[in-house]
Amino acid sequence: TFQYTLEVKGVRDFTINAFQKGDAIYEGKTENLLGTIVDIKTTPAQKYLADATGEIVLTQVPEQYDLSLIIECNGVKSDKGLETPTGEKISLNKTINIFNKYCKTDFYIKNINK
């Protein structure tokens, strides 16, 4: 068993509310089970933008958030790395299309806790 963090930046309330602790998460193309959500974290989204003077500053984006899902998986470590029981490869910075019963979107794998 291991946990990994999926992250997507700049989403709205609908996407955040579509994911709940305990939800099963599936891979978008193969529909293979990737694991179960054990924790959810949100932070206000930020972007670098030019202010009135032309200076580039980090600014909070209204009504957008960065969403992190902590996924637990009964996977295995193989010679190819970490894999889910259905053979999906879990590797850092990999972009993966996921879905649950309410939402489908692209996340990237930010962290892996073995």
N, C-alpha and C. Protein backbone atom coordinates (compact mmCIF):
# COMPACT_ATOMS: atom_id res chain seq x y z
N THR A 1 0.85 -1.18 0.00
CA THR A 1 0.00 0.00 0.00
C THR A 1 0.89 1.24 0.00
N PHE A 2 0.52 2.22 -0.82
CA PHE A 2 1.23 3.50 -0.81
C PHE A 2 0.23 4.62 -1.09
N GLN A 3 0.65 5.85 -0.81
CA GLN A 3 -0.17 7.02 -1.08
C GLN A 3 0.56 7.93 -2.05
N TYR A 4 -0.21 8.63 -2.86
CA TYR A 4 0.38 9.62 -3.76
C TYR A 4 -0.57 10.80 -3.87
N THR A 5 -0.01 11.94 -4.26
CA THR A 5 -0.79 13.18 -4.34
C THR A 5 -0.97 13.58 -5.79
N LEU A 6 -2.22 13.80 -6.17
CA LEU A 6 -2.57 14.34 -7.47
C LEU A 6 -2.90 15.82 -7.30
N GLU A 7 -2.46 16.66 -8.25
CA GLU A 7 -2.75 18.08 -8.13
C GLU A 7 -3.20 18.65 -9.47
N VAL A 8 -4.13 19.57 -9.40
CA VAL A 8 -4.57 20.35 -10.56
C VAL A 8 -4.66 21.80 -10.10
N LYS A 9 -4.27 22.72 -10.98
CA LYS A 9 -4.26 24.14 -10.62
C LYS A 9 -5.37 24.89 -11.35
N GLY A 10 -5.92 25.87 -10.67
CA GLY A 10 -6.86 26.79 -11.29
C GLY A 10 -8.23 26.23 -11.59
N VAL A 11 -8.80 25.45 -10.67
CA VAL A 11 -10.14 24.91 -10.89
C VAL A 11 -11.17 25.72 -10.09
N ARG A 12 -12.41 25.53 -10.44
CA ARG A 12 -13.50 26.25 -9.77
C ARG A 12 -14.17 25.36 -8.72
N ASP A 13 -15.13 25.91 -8.01
CA ASP A 13 -15.83 25.21 -6.93
C ASP A 13 -16.41 23.87 -7.38
N PHE A 14 -16.97 23.83 -8.60
CA PHE A 14 -17.60 22.60 -9.06
C PHE A 14 -16.64 21.42 -9.00
N THR A 15 -15.42 21.62 -9.47
CA THR A 15 -14.43 20.54 -9.48
C THR A 15 -14.06 20.14 -8.06
N ILE A 16 -13.87 21.10 -7.19
CA ILE A 16 -13.53 20.80 -5.80
C ILE A 16 -14.66 19.98 -5.15
N ASN A 17 -15.88 20.41 -5.34
CA ASN A 17 -17.02 19.75 -4.71
C ASN A 17 -17.32 18.38 -5.31
N ALA A 18 -16.79 18.10 -6.49
CA ALA A 18 -17.04 16.81 -7.16
C ALA A 18 -16.25 15.66 -6.53
N PHE A 19 -15.20 15.98 -5.77
CA PHE A 19 -14.37 14.95 -5.16
C PHE A 19 -14.58 14.93 -3.66
N GLN A 20 -14.79 13.74 -3.10
CA GLN A 20 -15.02 13.56 -1.67
C GLN A 20 -14.11 12.46 -1.13
N LYS A 21 -13.75 12.58 0.15
CA LYS A 21 -13.00 11.50 0.80
C LYS A 21 -13.77 10.20 0.65
N GLY A 22 -13.05 9.13 0.34
CA GLY A 22 -13.68 7.82 0.17
C GLY A 22 -14.06 7.50 -1.26
N ASP A 23 -14.03 8.50 -2.15
CA ASP A 23 -14.36 8.25 -3.56
C ASP A 23 -13.30 7.37 -4.22
N ALA A 24 -13.73 6.44 -5.04
CA ALA A 24 -12.83 5.68 -5.90
C ALA A 24 -12.46 6.56 -7.09
N ILE A 25 -11.18 6.50 -7.48
CA ILE A 25 -10.67 7.29 -8.61
C ILE A 25 -10.21 6.33 -9.69
N TYR A 26 -10.58 6.65 -10.94
CA TYR A 26 -10.28 5.78 -12.07
C TYR A 26 -9.47 6.54 -13.12
N GLU A 27 -8.68 5.81 -13.89
CA GLU A 27 -7.91 6.38 -15.00
C GLU A 27 -8.85 6.63 -16.16
N GLY A 28 -8.73 7.78 -16.82
CA GLY A 28 -9.69 8.21 -17.81
C GLY A 28 -9.80 7.37 -19.07
N LYS A 29 -8.71 6.80 -19.56
CA LYS A 29 -8.77 6.04 -20.81
C LYS A 29 -9.03 4.55 -20.57
N THR A 30 -8.32 3.98 -19.60
CA THR A 30 -8.45 2.54 -19.37
C THR A 30 -9.60 2.21 -18.42
N GLU A 31 -10.04 3.22 -17.65
CA GLU A 31 -11.06 3.05 -16.62
C GLU A 31 -10.60 2.12 -15.49
N ASN A 32 -9.28 1.95 -15.36
CA ASN A 32 -8.72 1.14 -14.27
C ASN A 32 -8.76 1.92 -12.97
N LEU A 33 -8.98 1.22 -11.87
CA LEU A 33 -9.00 1.83 -10.55
C LEU A 33 -7.59 2.30 -10.18
N LEU A 34 -7.48 3.57 -9.74
CA LEU A 34 -6.20 4.13 -9.32
C LEU A 34 -6.05 4.18 -7.81
N GLY A 35 -7.16 4.09 -7.08
CA GLY A 35 -7.12 4.14 -5.63
C GLY A 35 -8.32 4.89 -5.08
N THR A 36 -8.22 5.23 -3.79
CA THR A 36 -9.32 5.89 -3.08
C THR A 36 -8.81 7.19 -2.46
N ILE A 37 -9.63 8.23 -2.51
CA ILE A 37 -9.26 9.52 -1.91
C ILE A 37 -9.27 9.39 -0.39
N VAL A 38 -8.14 9.72 0.26
CA VAL A 38 -8.08 9.70 1.72
C VAL A 38 -7.99 11.12 2.30
N ASP A 39 -7.64 12.10 1.48
CA ASP A 39 -7.60 13.48 1.95
C ASP A 39 -7.69 14.43 0.76
N ILE A 40 -8.20 15.63 1.03
CA ILE A 40 -8.38 16.65 0.00
C ILE A 40 -7.87 17.96 0.57
N LYS A 41 -7.07 18.69 -0.23
CA LYS A 41 -6.56 19.99 0.20
C LYS A 41 -6.79 21.00 -0.91
N THR A 42 -7.19 22.21 -0.54
CA THR A 42 -7.36 23.28 -1.51
C THR A 42 -6.63 24.52 -1.03
N THR A 43 -6.11 25.27 -1.98
CA THR A 43 -5.50 26.57 -1.70
C THR A 43 -5.95 27.53 -2.79
N PRO A 44 -6.01 28.83 -2.49
CA PRO A 44 -6.37 29.79 -3.54
C PRO A 44 -5.34 29.73 -4.68
N ALA A 45 -5.84 29.77 -5.91
CA ALA A 45 -4.94 29.75 -7.07
C ALA A 45 -4.22 31.09 -7.18
N GLN A 46 -2.98 31.04 -7.66
CA GLN A 46 -2.18 32.24 -7.84
C GLN A 46 -1.52 32.22 -9.21
N LYS A 47 -1.34 33.41 -9.78
CA LYS A 47 -0.66 33.57 -11.06
C LYS A 47 0.22 34.81 -11.00
N TYR A 48 1.27 34.79 -11.82
CA TYR A 48 2.08 35.99 -11.97
C TYR A 48 1.44 36.86 -13.05
N LEU A 49 1.13 38.11 -12.66
CA LEU A 49 0.52 39.07 -13.58
C LEU A 49 1.20 40.42 -13.44
N ALA A 50 1.08 41.24 -14.47
CA ALA A 50 1.63 42.59 -14.41
C ALA A 50 0.65 43.49 -13.67
N ASP A 51 1.18 44.28 -12.73
CA ASP A 51 0.32 45.24 -12.04
C ASP A 51 0.25 46.55 -12.84
N ALA A 52 -0.36 47.58 -12.28
CA ALA A 52 -0.57 48.85 -12.99
C ALA A 52 0.74 49.52 -13.39
N THR A 53 1.82 49.22 -12.67
CA THR A 53 3.12 49.83 -12.98
C THR A 53 3.94 48.98 -13.95
N GLY A 54 3.42 47.82 -14.31
CA GLY A 54 4.14 46.92 -15.21
C GLY A 54 5.00 45.91 -14.50
N GLU A 55 5.04 45.98 -13.18
CA GLU A 55 5.82 45.02 -12.39
C GLU A 55 5.08 43.69 -12.33
N ILE A 56 5.82 42.60 -12.46
CA ILE A 56 5.23 41.26 -12.38
C ILE A 56 5.11 40.86 -10.91
N VAL A 57 3.87 40.55 -10.48
CA VAL A 57 3.61 40.19 -9.08
C VAL A 57 2.76 38.93 -9.03
N LEU A 58 2.92 38.18 -7.95
CA LEU A 58 2.11 36.99 -7.71
C LEU A 58 0.77 37.44 -7.16
N THR A 59 -0.31 37.08 -7.86
CA THR A 59 -1.64 37.55 -7.53
C THR A 59 -2.60 36.38 -7.37
N GLN A 60 -3.49 36.50 -6.40
CA GLN A 60 -4.53 35.48 -6.20
C GLN A 60 -5.57 35.60 -7.32
N VAL A 61 -5.96 34.47 -7.89
CA VAL A 61 -6.95 34.45 -8.97
C VAL A 61 -8.34 34.28 -8.35
N PRO A 62 -9.25 35.21 -8.59
CA PRO A 62 -10.59 35.12 -7.99
C PRO A 62 -11.32 33.85 -8.43
N GLU A 63 -11.97 33.21 -7.48
CA GLU A 63 -12.83 32.05 -7.71
C GLU A 63 -12.13 30.85 -8.35
N GLN A 64 -10.81 30.78 -8.21
CA GLN A 64 -10.07 29.61 -8.69
C GLN A 64 -9.20 29.08 -7.57
N TYR A 65 -8.99 27.75 -7.60
CA TYR A 65 -8.27 27.08 -6.53
C TYR A 65 -7.33 26.02 -7.10
N ASP A 66 -6.31 25.70 -6.33
CA ASP A 66 -5.45 24.56 -6.61
C ASP A 66 -5.96 23.42 -5.74
N LEU A 67 -6.16 22.26 -6.34
CA LEU A 67 -6.76 21.12 -5.66
C LEU A 67 -5.77 19.97 -5.60
N SER A 68 -5.57 19.43 -4.40
CA SER A 68 -4.74 18.24 -4.20
C SER A 68 -5.58 17.11 -3.65
N LEU A 69 -5.45 15.94 -4.26
CA LEU A 69 -6.12 14.73 -3.77
C LEU A 69 -5.05 13.76 -3.31
N ILE A 70 -5.15 13.28 -2.08
CA ILE A 70 -4.24 12.25 -1.59
C ILE A 70 -4.94 10.92 -1.82
N ILE A 71 -4.30 10.07 -2.61
CA ILE A 71 -4.88 8.80 -3.04
C ILE A 71 -4.14 7.66 -2.36
N GLU A 72 -4.89 6.70 -1.82
CA GLU A 72 -4.28 5.49 -1.26
C GLU A 72 -4.54 4.34 -2.23
N CYS A 73 -3.50 3.55 -2.45
CA CYS A 73 -3.57 2.50 -3.44
C CYS A 73 -2.93 1.23 -2.90
N ASN A 74 -3.56 0.10 -3.10
CA ASN A 74 -2.98 -1.19 -2.72
C ASN A 74 -2.11 -1.70 -3.85
N GLY A 75 -1.15 -0.87 -4.25
CA GLY A 75 -0.30 -1.19 -5.38
C GLY A 75 0.92 -1.97 -4.99
N VAL A 76 1.78 -2.15 -5.96
CA VAL A 76 2.99 -2.93 -5.78
C VAL A 76 4.19 -2.18 -6.35
N LYS A 77 5.35 -2.50 -5.81
CA LYS A 77 6.59 -1.98 -6.36
C LYS A 77 7.17 -3.06 -7.26
N SER A 78 7.41 -2.70 -8.51
CA SER A 78 7.96 -3.67 -9.46
C SER A 78 9.25 -3.11 -10.04
N ASP A 79 9.86 -3.85 -10.96
CA ASP A 79 11.07 -3.36 -11.60
C ASP A 79 10.78 -2.14 -12.48
N LYS A 80 9.53 -1.87 -12.76
CA LYS A 80 9.11 -0.71 -13.56
C LYS A 80 8.73 0.47 -12.68
N GLY A 81 8.78 0.32 -11.35
CA GLY A 81 8.38 1.38 -10.42
C GLY A 81 7.14 0.99 -9.66
N LEU A 82 6.36 1.98 -9.25
CA LEU A 82 5.12 1.73 -8.51
C LEU A 82 3.97 1.54 -9.49
N GLU A 83 3.13 0.57 -9.19
CA GLU A 83 1.98 0.29 -10.04
C GLU A 83 0.75 0.03 -9.18
N THR A 84 -0.40 0.37 -9.74
CA THR A 84 -1.67 0.02 -9.09
C THR A 84 -1.91 -1.47 -9.33
N PRO A 85 -2.85 -2.08 -8.62
CA PRO A 85 -3.14 -3.49 -8.86
C PRO A 85 -3.55 -3.80 -10.30
N THR A 86 -4.07 -2.78 -11.01
CA THR A 86 -4.49 -2.98 -12.39
C THR A 86 -3.38 -2.67 -13.39
N GLY A 87 -2.17 -2.35 -12.89
CA GLY A 87 -1.02 -2.16 -13.76
C GLY A 87 -0.75 -0.73 -14.20
N GLU A 88 -1.51 0.25 -13.68
CA GLU A 88 -1.24 1.65 -14.02
C GLU A 88 0.05 2.09 -13.35
N LYS A 89 0.94 2.71 -14.10
CA LYS A 89 2.22 3.18 -13.57
C LYS A 89 2.02 4.51 -12.86
N ILE A 90 2.60 4.62 -11.66
CA ILE A 90 2.53 5.85 -10.87
C ILE A 90 3.94 6.42 -10.80
N SER A 91 4.14 7.60 -11.42
CA SER A 91 5.47 8.22 -11.40
C SER A 91 5.32 9.74 -11.26
N LEU A 92 6.32 10.36 -10.62
CA LEU A 92 6.28 11.80 -10.36
C LEU A 92 6.12 12.60 -11.64
N ASN A 93 5.33 13.66 -11.54
CA ASN A 93 5.09 14.63 -12.61
C ASN A 93 4.34 14.08 -13.81
N LYS A 94 3.90 12.85 -13.74
CA LYS A 94 3.10 12.27 -14.83
C LYS A 94 1.73 12.94 -14.83
N THR A 95 1.27 13.36 -16.00
CA THR A 95 -0.08 13.89 -16.13
C THR A 95 -1.01 12.73 -16.41
N ILE A 96 -2.12 12.72 -15.69
CA ILE A 96 -3.04 11.60 -15.79
C ILE A 96 -4.47 12.12 -15.79
N ASN A 97 -5.29 11.61 -16.68
CA ASN A 97 -6.70 11.96 -16.73
C ASN A 97 -7.43 11.03 -15.78
N ILE A 98 -8.15 11.60 -14.82
CA ILE A 98 -8.86 10.78 -13.84
C ILE A 98 -10.34 11.14 -13.82
N PHE A 99 -11.12 10.23 -13.24
CA PHE A 99 -12.53 10.53 -13.06
C PHE A 99 -13.08 9.77 -11.86
N ASN A 100 -14.18 10.31 -11.35
CA ASN A 100 -15.02 9.61 -10.39
C ASN A 100 -16.44 9.69 -10.93
N LYS A 101 -17.43 9.48 -10.11
CA LYS A 101 -18.80 9.47 -10.64
C LYS A 101 -19.33 10.86 -11.00
N TYR A 102 -18.62 11.94 -10.61
CA TYR A 102 -19.11 13.28 -10.87
C TYR A 102 -18.26 14.15 -11.78
N CYS A 103 -16.99 13.80 -11.95
CA CYS A 103 -16.08 14.72 -12.62
C CYS A 103 -14.96 13.96 -13.33
N LYS A 104 -14.46 14.54 -14.42
CA LYS A 104 -13.32 13.99 -15.15
C LYS A 104 -12.39 15.15 -15.49
N THR A 105 -11.12 15.05 -15.12
CA THR A 105 -10.18 16.14 -15.39
C THR A 105 -8.74 15.62 -15.34
N ASP A 106 -7.79 16.45 -15.81
CA ASP A 106 -6.38 16.09 -15.81
C ASP A 106 -5.70 16.59 -14.54
N PHE A 107 -4.94 15.71 -13.90
CA PHE A 107 -4.12 16.03 -12.73
C PHE A 107 -2.69 15.63 -13.06
N TYR A 108 -1.75 16.09 -12.26
CA TYR A 108 -0.40 15.55 -12.35
C TYR A 108 -0.02 14.97 -10.99
N ILE A 109 0.86 13.98 -11.02
CA ILE A 109 1.29 13.33 -9.78
C ILE A 109 2.39 14.18 -9.16
N LYS A 110 2.07 14.80 -8.04
CA LYS A 110 2.97 15.74 -7.38
C LYS A 110 3.92 15.07 -6.40
N ASN A 111 3.43 14.00 -5.74
CA ASN A 111 4.21 13.40 -4.66
C ASN A 111 3.83 11.94 -4.53
N ILE A 112 4.81 11.13 -4.09
CA ILE A 112 4.55 9.72 -3.82
C ILE A 112 5.12 9.39 -2.45
N ASN A 113 4.28 8.83 -1.57
CA ASN A 113 4.72 8.39 -0.24
C ASN A 113 4.68 6.88 -0.24
N LYS A 114 5.85 6.27 -0.18
CA LYS A 114 5.92 4.79 -0.24
C LYS A 114 5.70 4.19 1.11
